[in-house]
Amino acid sequence: MSDLSLLATAPYVLSDKERTPLFVSAMTEAGAWHYSHNKEFKALCDSQGFDSTHLGSVDEIPYFPVTFFKKFSLASVPKTEIVRTLFSSSTSGTPSKIYLDKITADRQVSALNAILSDFLGTERCAFIVLDSEETVKVTNGELNSRGTAIRGMISQARSMQFVLDSSLQLSPSL
């Protein structure tokens, strides 16, 4: 089953026994892609003795330190194909960076829509957002993790009401 047919499968219909081999297969494919297209990822895999092309189980997937996403550019596509850069909340002062190309961004939206539709149904709802509208604004193709999460819900919303102002205080207009 390819990753595209995985996206076409309803999120919660497969049992663990059915889902695990599909996940391992998808992770093997993704690992092989990143191994051959990102020198930092390749170096980390090599240093841990991890063969990303022959993954046998979920337990074989190594943990990557968060600092790896802070110190290195883990883009596995040319810079010209990056459509968005996501940043973590950065409690240490240095945010983690996740680079998205169009294909990955579209797949994330499809997966999130499938999950939300499974929980909320297909009818759009009015959402009350406990954040500021400023949070969802993209600046130079960059967005923080809170903004990413909120923007992911927009496609399921009939309307969105933000209840905090830009200082993250209760909006006086409410």
N, C-alpha and C. Protein backbone atom coordinates (compact mmCIF):
# COMPACT_ATOMS: atom_id res chain seq x y z
N MET A 1 0.86 -1.18 0.00
CA MET A 1 0.00 0.00 0.00
C MET A 1 0.90 1.23 0.00
N SER A 2 0.72 2.12 -0.95
CA SER A 2 1.55 3.32 -1.01
C SER A 2 1.04 4.36 -0.03
N ASP A 3 1.85 5.41 0.18
CA ASP A 3 1.42 6.46 1.09
C ASP A 3 0.15 7.14 0.59
N LEU A 4 -0.09 7.18 -0.73
CA LEU A 4 -1.29 7.81 -1.25
C LEU A 4 -2.52 6.98 -0.90
N SER A 5 -2.42 5.66 -0.97
CA SER A 5 -3.57 4.84 -0.58
C SER A 5 -3.75 4.85 0.93
N LEU A 6 -2.67 5.03 1.68
CA LEU A 6 -2.81 5.20 3.13
C LEU A 6 -3.63 6.45 3.42
N LEU A 7 -3.39 7.52 2.69
CA LEU A 7 -4.16 8.75 2.89
C LEU A 7 -5.62 8.58 2.51
N ALA A 8 -5.90 7.67 1.60
CA ALA A 8 -7.27 7.43 1.17
C ALA A 8 -8.03 6.51 2.13
N THR A 9 -7.32 5.88 3.06
CA THR A 9 -7.94 4.97 4.03
C THR A 9 -8.44 5.78 5.22
N ALA A 10 -9.65 5.50 5.67
CA ALA A 10 -10.19 6.19 6.84
C ALA A 10 -9.23 6.00 8.02
N PRO A 11 -9.06 7.03 8.85
CA PRO A 11 -8.01 7.00 9.87
C PRO A 11 -8.08 5.87 10.90
N TYR A 12 -9.25 5.41 11.27
CA TYR A 12 -9.35 4.49 12.40
C TYR A 12 -10.00 3.16 12.04
N VAL A 13 -9.92 2.74 10.78
CA VAL A 13 -10.56 1.49 10.38
C VAL A 13 -9.62 0.29 10.49
N LEU A 14 -8.32 0.50 10.47
CA LEU A 14 -7.37 -0.60 10.52
C LEU A 14 -7.03 -0.96 11.97
N SER A 15 -6.87 -2.24 12.23
CA SER A 15 -6.42 -2.69 13.55
C SER A 15 -4.92 -2.42 13.68
N ASP A 16 -4.39 -2.53 14.90
CA ASP A 16 -2.94 -2.37 15.10
C ASP A 16 -2.17 -3.37 14.23
N LYS A 17 -2.69 -4.59 14.15
CA LYS A 17 -2.02 -5.64 13.38
C LYS A 17 -1.96 -5.28 11.90
N GLU A 18 -3.00 -4.61 11.37
CA GLU A 18 -3.03 -4.20 9.97
C GLU A 18 -2.21 -2.92 9.75
N ARG A 19 -2.29 -2.01 10.72
CA ARG A 19 -1.68 -0.68 10.58
C ARG A 19 -0.16 -0.71 10.74
N THR A 20 0.35 -1.50 11.67
CA THR A 20 1.79 -1.48 11.98
C THR A 20 2.67 -1.80 10.77
N PRO A 21 2.41 -2.85 10.00
CA PRO A 21 3.28 -3.11 8.84
C PRO A 21 3.20 -2.00 7.79
N LEU A 22 2.05 -1.37 7.66
CA LEU A 22 1.91 -0.26 6.71
C LEU A 22 2.74 0.93 7.19
N PHE A 23 2.71 1.18 8.49
CA PHE A 23 3.50 2.28 9.06
C PHE A 23 4.99 2.01 8.89
N VAL A 24 5.41 0.79 9.19
CA VAL A 24 6.82 0.42 9.04
C VAL A 24 7.26 0.58 7.59
N SER A 25 6.43 0.15 6.67
CA SER A 25 6.74 0.29 5.24
C SER A 25 6.86 1.76 4.85
N ALA A 26 5.93 2.58 5.31
CA ALA A 26 5.97 4.02 4.99
C ALA A 26 7.21 4.67 5.61
N MET A 27 7.56 4.28 6.85
CA MET A 27 8.75 4.84 7.51
C MET A 27 10.02 4.39 6.80
N THR A 28 10.04 3.17 6.30
CA THR A 28 11.20 2.67 5.55
C THR A 28 11.38 3.49 4.28
N GLU A 29 10.27 3.73 3.58
CA GLU A 29 10.32 4.52 2.35
C GLU A 29 10.77 5.95 2.65
N ALA A 30 10.21 6.54 3.68
CA ALA A 30 10.59 7.92 4.05
C ALA A 30 12.05 7.97 4.51
N GLY A 31 12.46 7.00 5.32
CA GLY A 31 13.84 6.96 5.79
C GLY A 31 14.83 6.85 4.65
N ALA A 32 14.52 6.00 3.69
CA ALA A 32 15.41 5.84 2.53
C ALA A 32 15.50 7.14 1.73
N TRP A 33 14.38 7.82 1.59
CA TRP A 33 14.36 9.10 0.85
C TRP A 33 15.25 10.13 1.57
N HIS A 34 15.03 10.31 2.86
CA HIS A 34 15.79 11.31 3.61
C HIS A 34 17.27 10.94 3.70
N TYR A 35 17.55 9.66 3.83
CA TYR A 35 18.94 9.18 3.88
C TYR A 35 19.69 9.57 2.61
N SER A 36 19.04 9.43 1.48
CA SER A 36 19.72 9.72 0.22
C SER A 36 19.63 11.20 -0.19
N HIS A 37 18.84 12.00 0.52
CA HIS A 37 18.67 13.40 0.12
C HIS A 37 19.06 14.41 1.19
N ASN A 38 19.56 13.96 2.35
CA ASN A 38 19.95 14.91 3.39
C ASN A 38 21.20 14.39 4.10
N LYS A 39 22.30 15.13 3.95
CA LYS A 39 23.57 14.65 4.49
C LYS A 39 23.59 14.57 6.02
N GLU A 40 22.89 15.49 6.72
CA GLU A 40 22.86 15.43 8.18
C GLU A 40 22.08 14.21 8.66
N PHE A 41 20.94 13.92 8.01
CA PHE A 41 20.16 12.74 8.37
C PHE A 41 20.98 11.47 8.12
N LYS A 42 21.67 11.44 6.98
CA LYS A 42 22.52 10.29 6.65
C LYS A 42 23.60 10.10 7.72
N ALA A 43 24.25 11.19 8.11
CA ALA A 43 25.32 11.11 9.12
C ALA A 43 24.77 10.60 10.45
N LEU A 44 23.58 11.08 10.85
CA LEU A 44 23.00 10.62 12.11
C LEU A 44 22.67 9.13 12.03
N CYS A 45 22.07 8.70 10.93
CA CYS A 45 21.74 7.27 10.76
C CYS A 45 23.01 6.44 10.82
N ASP A 46 24.04 6.87 10.09
CA ASP A 46 25.29 6.12 10.06
C ASP A 46 25.93 6.05 11.45
N SER A 47 25.87 7.16 12.20
CA SER A 47 26.49 7.18 13.53
C SER A 47 25.75 6.26 14.51
N GLN A 48 24.47 6.00 14.26
CA GLN A 48 23.70 5.13 15.15
C GLN A 48 23.57 3.71 14.61
N GLY A 49 24.21 3.45 13.47
CA GLY A 49 24.11 2.12 12.88
C GLY A 49 22.72 1.80 12.39
N PHE A 50 21.97 2.82 12.02
CA PHE A 50 20.59 2.65 11.59
C PHE A 50 20.52 2.53 10.07
N ASP A 51 19.99 1.42 9.60
CA ASP A 51 19.82 1.21 8.16
C ASP A 51 18.38 1.58 7.82
N SER A 52 18.21 2.78 7.29
CA SER A 52 16.86 3.29 7.02
C SER A 52 16.17 2.56 5.88
N THR A 53 16.89 1.74 5.13
CA THR A 53 16.28 1.05 4.00
C THR A 53 15.76 -0.34 4.36
N HIS A 54 16.09 -0.84 5.55
CA HIS A 54 15.67 -2.19 5.95
C HIS A 54 15.07 -2.17 7.35
N LEU A 55 14.02 -1.42 7.52
CA LEU A 55 13.37 -1.31 8.82
C LEU A 55 12.47 -2.52 9.03
N GLY A 56 12.69 -3.24 10.12
CA GLY A 56 11.92 -4.45 10.38
C GLY A 56 10.74 -4.24 11.31
N SER A 57 10.85 -3.25 12.21
CA SER A 57 9.77 -3.00 13.17
C SER A 57 9.83 -1.55 13.64
N VAL A 58 8.77 -1.12 14.29
CA VAL A 58 8.70 0.23 14.85
C VAL A 58 9.81 0.43 15.88
N ASP A 59 10.13 -0.62 16.62
CA ASP A 59 11.15 -0.53 17.66
C ASP A 59 12.54 -0.21 17.11
N GLU A 60 12.76 -0.42 15.83
CA GLU A 60 14.07 -0.15 15.22
C GLU A 60 14.25 1.32 14.83
N ILE A 61 13.18 2.11 14.88
CA ILE A 61 13.29 3.52 14.51
C ILE A 61 14.03 4.24 15.63
N PRO A 62 15.16 4.88 15.31
CA PRO A 62 15.92 5.55 16.38
C PRO A 62 15.25 6.86 16.80
N TYR A 63 15.55 7.26 18.00
CA TYR A 63 15.11 8.56 18.48
C TYR A 63 16.11 9.60 18.00
N PHE A 64 15.61 10.71 17.52
CA PHE A 64 16.47 11.80 17.09
C PHE A 64 16.37 12.91 18.12
N PRO A 65 17.49 13.39 18.62
CA PRO A 65 17.44 14.46 19.61
C PRO A 65 16.82 15.73 19.03
N VAL A 66 16.03 16.43 19.85
CA VAL A 66 15.38 17.66 19.42
C VAL A 66 16.42 18.67 18.93
N THR A 67 17.58 18.67 19.56
CA THR A 67 18.62 19.63 19.16
C THR A 67 19.04 19.44 17.70
N PHE A 68 18.84 18.24 17.18
CA PHE A 68 19.16 17.98 15.77
C PHE A 68 18.33 18.88 14.85
N PHE A 69 17.06 19.10 15.24
CA PHE A 69 16.16 19.95 14.44
C PHE A 69 16.44 21.44 14.69
N LYS A 70 17.20 21.74 15.71
CA LYS A 70 17.56 23.13 16.01
C LYS A 70 18.87 23.52 15.33
N LYS A 71 19.80 22.56 15.25
CA LYS A 71 21.15 22.86 14.76
C LYS A 71 21.34 22.66 13.26
N PHE A 72 20.53 21.77 12.66
CA PHE A 72 20.78 21.41 11.27
C PHE A 72 19.58 21.73 10.39
N SER A 73 19.86 21.96 9.14
CA SER A 73 18.81 22.13 8.14
C SER A 73 18.44 20.75 7.63
N LEU A 74 17.28 20.25 8.03
CA LEU A 74 16.89 18.89 7.66
C LEU A 74 15.95 18.88 6.47
N ALA A 75 16.18 19.74 5.53
CA ALA A 75 15.40 19.74 4.29
C ALA A 75 15.95 18.67 3.37
N SER A 76 15.05 17.86 2.83
CA SER A 76 15.46 16.80 1.91
C SER A 76 15.01 17.09 0.49
N VAL A 77 14.67 18.34 0.25
CA VAL A 77 14.33 18.81 -1.09
C VAL A 77 15.11 20.10 -1.32
N PRO A 78 15.29 20.52 -2.57
CA PRO A 78 15.97 21.79 -2.81
C PRO A 78 15.23 22.96 -2.16
N LYS A 79 15.98 23.98 -1.76
CA LYS A 79 15.39 25.15 -1.10
C LYS A 79 14.25 25.76 -1.93
N THR A 80 14.38 25.68 -3.25
CA THR A 80 13.34 26.25 -4.12
C THR A 80 12.01 25.53 -4.01
N GLU A 81 12.01 24.30 -3.48
CA GLU A 81 10.77 23.52 -3.34
C GLU A 81 10.13 23.67 -1.96
N ILE A 82 10.80 24.37 -1.04
CA ILE A 82 10.25 24.56 0.30
C ILE A 82 9.19 25.65 0.23
N VAL A 83 7.96 25.31 0.65
CA VAL A 83 6.86 26.28 0.61
C VAL A 83 6.57 26.87 1.98
N ARG A 84 7.02 26.19 3.04
CA ARG A 84 6.76 26.70 4.37
C ARG A 84 7.80 26.16 5.33
N THR A 85 8.19 26.99 6.29
CA THR A 85 9.07 26.56 7.37
C THR A 85 8.29 26.72 8.66
N LEU A 86 8.21 25.64 9.43
CA LEU A 86 7.51 25.65 10.71
C LEU A 86 8.53 25.74 11.83
N PHE A 87 8.18 26.48 12.87
CA PHE A 87 9.07 26.66 14.02
C PHE A 87 8.38 26.18 15.28
N SER A 88 9.14 25.54 16.17
CA SER A 88 8.60 25.12 17.47
C SER A 88 8.46 26.35 18.36
N SER A 89 7.85 26.13 19.53
CA SER A 89 7.66 27.24 20.46
C SER A 89 8.95 27.70 21.10
N SER A 90 10.00 26.92 21.03
CA SER A 90 11.34 27.34 21.39
C SER A 90 11.50 27.78 22.84
N THR A 91 11.24 26.90 23.77
CA THR A 91 11.41 27.24 25.18
C THR A 91 12.87 27.49 25.53
N SER A 92 13.79 26.96 24.73
CA SER A 92 15.22 27.15 24.99
C SER A 92 15.77 28.41 24.32
N GLY A 93 14.97 29.05 23.49
CA GLY A 93 15.43 30.22 22.76
C GLY A 93 15.79 29.90 21.32
N THR A 94 16.08 28.66 21.01
CA THR A 94 16.39 28.25 19.64
C THR A 94 15.27 27.32 19.16
N PRO A 95 14.49 27.75 18.17
CA PRO A 95 13.38 26.89 17.73
C PRO A 95 13.85 25.74 16.84
N SER A 96 13.11 24.65 16.89
CA SER A 96 13.29 23.58 15.92
C SER A 96 12.68 24.07 14.61
N LYS A 97 13.25 23.62 13.48
CA LYS A 97 12.74 24.02 12.17
C LYS A 97 12.33 22.78 11.39
N ILE A 98 11.14 22.85 10.82
CA ILE A 98 10.63 21.78 9.97
C ILE A 98 10.33 22.41 8.61
N TYR A 99 10.91 21.86 7.57
CA TYR A 99 10.73 22.40 6.22
C TYR A 99 9.71 21.55 5.47
N LEU A 100 8.75 22.22 4.85
CA LEU A 100 7.71 21.53 4.10
C LEU A 100 7.77 21.89 2.62
N ASP A 101 7.72 20.86 1.79
CA ASP A 101 7.53 21.09 0.36
C ASP A 101 6.04 20.97 0.09
N LYS A 102 5.60 21.26 -1.11
CA LYS A 102 4.18 21.27 -1.43
C LYS A 102 3.55 19.89 -1.24
N ILE A 103 4.24 18.85 -1.67
CA ILE A 103 3.69 17.50 -1.54
C ILE A 103 3.45 17.15 -0.08
N THR A 104 4.43 17.42 0.78
CA THR A 104 4.29 17.11 2.20
C THR A 104 3.20 17.95 2.84
N ALA A 105 3.17 19.24 2.53
CA ALA A 105 2.13 20.12 3.09
C ALA A 105 0.74 19.63 2.69
N ASP A 106 0.56 19.26 1.43
CA ASP A 106 -0.74 18.76 0.96
C ASP A 106 -1.11 17.46 1.65
N ARG A 107 -0.15 16.58 1.86
CA ARG A 107 -0.43 15.31 2.53
C ARG A 107 -0.80 15.54 4.00
N GLN A 108 -0.15 16.50 4.64
CA GLN A 108 -0.50 16.81 6.03
C GLN A 108 -1.93 17.32 6.12
N VAL A 109 -2.30 18.19 5.21
CA VAL A 109 -3.66 18.73 5.19
C VAL A 109 -4.67 17.60 4.97
N SER A 110 -4.39 16.71 4.02
CA SER A 110 -5.29 15.58 3.75
C SER A 110 -5.46 14.69 4.98
N ALA A 111 -4.35 14.38 5.64
CA ALA A 111 -4.41 13.52 6.82
C ALA A 111 -5.18 14.21 7.95
N LEU A 112 -4.91 15.48 8.19
CA LEU A 112 -5.60 16.20 9.26
C LEU A 112 -7.10 16.30 8.95
N ASN A 113 -7.45 16.59 7.71
CA ASN A 113 -8.87 16.66 7.34
C ASN A 113 -9.57 15.33 7.57
N ALA A 114 -8.91 14.24 7.24
CA ALA A 114 -9.51 12.92 7.45
C ALA A 114 -9.74 12.66 8.94
N ILE A 115 -8.76 13.01 9.77
CA ILE A 115 -8.89 12.80 11.22
C ILE A 115 -9.99 13.67 11.79
N LEU A 116 -9.99 14.95 11.44
CA LEU A 116 -11.02 15.86 11.96
C LEU A 116 -12.41 15.45 11.49
N SER A 117 -12.54 15.06 10.22
CA SER A 117 -13.84 14.63 9.70
C SER A 117 -14.34 13.39 10.43
N ASP A 118 -13.41 12.52 10.80
CA ASP A 118 -13.79 11.31 11.53
C ASP A 118 -14.39 11.67 12.90
N PHE A 119 -13.83 12.68 13.55
CA PHE A 119 -14.31 13.10 14.87
C PHE A 119 -15.50 14.05 14.79
N LEU A 120 -15.44 15.01 13.86
CA LEU A 120 -16.44 16.08 13.82
C LEU A 120 -17.54 15.88 12.79
N GLY A 121 -17.35 14.94 11.88
CA GLY A 121 -18.27 14.78 10.76
C GLY A 121 -17.85 15.68 9.62
N THR A 122 -18.60 15.66 8.55
CA THR A 122 -18.21 16.42 7.36
C THR A 122 -18.83 17.81 7.31
N GLU A 123 -19.80 18.09 8.18
CA GLU A 123 -20.40 19.42 8.20
C GLU A 123 -19.47 20.39 8.91
N ARG A 124 -19.26 21.53 8.29
CA ARG A 124 -18.37 22.52 8.90
C ARG A 124 -18.99 23.12 10.15
N CYS A 125 -18.16 23.41 11.14
CA CYS A 125 -18.61 23.91 12.43
C CYS A 125 -18.07 25.32 12.67
N ALA A 126 -18.72 26.03 13.61
CA ALA A 126 -18.19 27.30 14.09
C ALA A 126 -17.15 26.98 15.16
N PHE A 127 -15.94 27.52 15.03
CA PHE A 127 -14.87 27.25 15.99
C PHE A 127 -14.61 28.49 16.83
N ILE A 128 -14.43 28.29 18.11
CA ILE A 128 -13.96 29.33 19.01
C ILE A 128 -12.50 29.01 19.29
N VAL A 129 -11.61 29.94 18.96
CA VAL A 129 -10.18 29.70 19.07
C VAL A 129 -9.62 30.48 20.25
N LEU A 130 -9.03 29.77 21.19
CA LEU A 130 -8.45 30.40 22.37
C LEU A 130 -7.03 30.85 22.06
N ASP A 131 -6.93 31.79 21.14
CA ASP A 131 -5.65 32.35 20.71
C ASP A 131 -5.94 33.64 19.98
N SER A 132 -4.87 34.27 19.49
CA SER A 132 -4.97 35.52 18.75
C SER A 132 -4.96 35.23 17.25
N GLU A 133 -5.68 36.03 16.50
CA GLU A 133 -5.68 35.86 15.04
C GLU A 133 -4.28 36.10 14.46
N GLU A 134 -3.46 36.87 15.16
CA GLU A 134 -2.08 37.13 14.72
C GLU A 134 -1.28 35.82 14.61
N THR A 135 -1.63 34.84 15.41
CA THR A 135 -0.90 33.58 15.46
C THR A 135 -0.94 32.83 14.14
N VAL A 136 -1.99 33.01 13.35
CA VAL A 136 -2.14 32.24 12.12
C VAL A 136 -1.59 32.95 10.89
N LYS A 137 -1.00 34.12 11.08
CA LYS A 137 -0.45 34.85 9.94
C LYS A 137 0.92 34.30 9.57
N VAL A 138 1.10 34.03 8.29
CA VAL A 138 2.37 33.53 7.77
C VAL A 138 3.23 34.73 7.38
N THR A 139 4.47 34.74 7.84
CA THR A 139 5.41 35.80 7.49
C THR A 139 6.58 35.20 6.74
N ASN A 140 6.77 35.62 5.50
CA ASN A 140 7.86 35.11 4.65
C ASN A 140 7.88 33.58 4.58
N GLY A 141 6.71 32.96 4.49
CA GLY A 141 6.63 31.51 4.39
C GLY A 141 6.89 30.79 5.70
N GLU A 142 6.95 31.53 6.82
CA GLU A 142 7.26 30.93 8.11
C GLU A 142 6.04 31.02 9.03
N LEU A 143 5.88 30.00 9.86
CA LEU A 143 4.76 29.92 10.78
C LEU A 143 5.18 29.14 12.01
N ASN A 144 4.72 29.58 13.19
CA ASN A 144 5.08 28.83 14.40
C ASN A 144 4.14 27.64 14.59
N SER A 145 4.44 26.80 15.56
CA SER A 145 3.68 25.56 15.74
C SER A 145 2.23 25.80 16.12
N ARG A 146 1.97 26.82 16.94
CA ARG A 146 0.57 27.13 17.30
C ARG A 146 -0.21 27.56 16.07
N GLY A 147 0.40 28.42 15.27
CA GLY A 147 -0.25 28.88 14.05
C GLY A 147 -0.53 27.75 13.09
N THR A 148 0.41 26.82 13.00
CA THR A 148 0.24 25.65 12.13
C THR A 148 -0.95 24.82 12.58
N ALA A 149 -1.04 24.58 13.88
CA ALA A 149 -2.15 23.77 14.40
C ALA A 149 -3.49 24.43 14.13
N ILE A 150 -3.57 25.72 14.36
CA ILE A 150 -4.83 26.43 14.14
C ILE A 150 -5.18 26.46 12.65
N ARG A 151 -4.20 26.77 11.81
CA ARG A 151 -4.46 26.82 10.36
C ARG A 151 -4.92 25.46 9.83
N GLY A 152 -4.45 24.40 10.45
CA GLY A 152 -4.87 23.07 10.03
C GLY A 152 -6.35 22.82 10.23
N MET A 153 -6.95 23.55 11.13
CA MET A 153 -8.37 23.38 11.43
C MET A 153 -9.27 24.24 10.54
N ILE A 154 -8.71 25.22 9.88
CA ILE A 154 -9.51 26.18 9.11
C ILE A 154 -10.40 25.49 8.08
N SER A 155 -9.91 24.46 7.42
CA SER A 155 -10.71 23.82 6.38
C SER A 155 -11.96 23.13 6.94
N GLN A 156 -11.99 22.86 8.23
CA GLN A 156 -13.15 22.22 8.85
C GLN A 156 -14.10 23.24 9.47
N ALA A 157 -13.71 24.51 9.46
CA ALA A 157 -14.50 25.53 10.14
C ALA A 157 -15.44 26.28 9.19
N ARG A 158 -16.67 26.48 9.66
CA ARG A 158 -17.59 27.36 8.94
C ARG A 158 -17.18 28.81 9.24
N SER A 159 -16.77 29.03 10.48
CA SER A 159 -16.27 30.34 10.91
C SER A 159 -15.34 30.12 12.09
N MET A 160 -14.49 31.11 12.34
CA MET A 160 -13.57 31.03 13.48
C MET A 160 -13.64 32.35 14.24
N GLN A 161 -13.80 32.26 15.54
CA GLN A 161 -13.81 33.44 16.40
C GLN A 161 -12.61 33.35 17.32
N PHE A 162 -11.66 34.27 17.17
CA PHE A 162 -10.48 34.32 18.03
C PHE A 162 -10.85 35.13 19.26
N VAL A 163 -10.54 34.64 20.45
CA VAL A 163 -10.97 35.33 21.66
C VAL A 163 -9.85 36.08 22.39
N LEU A 164 -8.62 35.96 21.90
CA LEU A 164 -7.51 36.69 22.53
C LEU A 164 -7.00 37.76 21.59
N ASP A 165 -6.46 38.83 22.17
CA ASP A 165 -5.85 39.89 21.35
C ASP A 165 -4.38 39.54 21.10
N SER A 166 -3.65 40.43 20.46
CA SER A 166 -2.25 40.15 20.10
C SER A 166 -1.34 40.00 21.32
N SER A 167 -1.79 40.48 22.50
CA SER A 167 -1.02 40.31 23.73
C SER A 167 -1.45 39.05 24.49
N LEU A 168 -2.31 38.25 23.84
CA LEU A 168 -2.84 37.01 24.40
C LEU A 168 -3.68 37.26 25.66
N GLN A 169 -4.35 38.42 25.67
CA GLN A 169 -5.31 38.75 26.70
C GLN A 169 -6.70 38.64 26.10
N LEU A 170 -7.70 38.44 26.95
CA LEU A 170 -9.07 38.34 26.46
C LEU A 170 -9.40 39.58 25.66
N SER A 171 -9.86 39.38 24.46
CA SER A 171 -10.14 40.49 23.54
C SER A 171 -11.26 41.37 24.08
N PRO A 172 -11.02 42.68 24.11
CA PRO A 172 -12.05 43.60 24.64
C PRO A 172 -13.29 43.65 23.74
N SER A 173 -13.19 43.17 22.51
CA SER A 173 -14.33 43.24 21.59
C SER A 173 -15.36 42.14 21.85
N LEU A 174 -15.09 41.25 22.81
CA LEU A 174 -16.04 40.16 23.09
C LEU A 174 -17.07 40.57 24.10
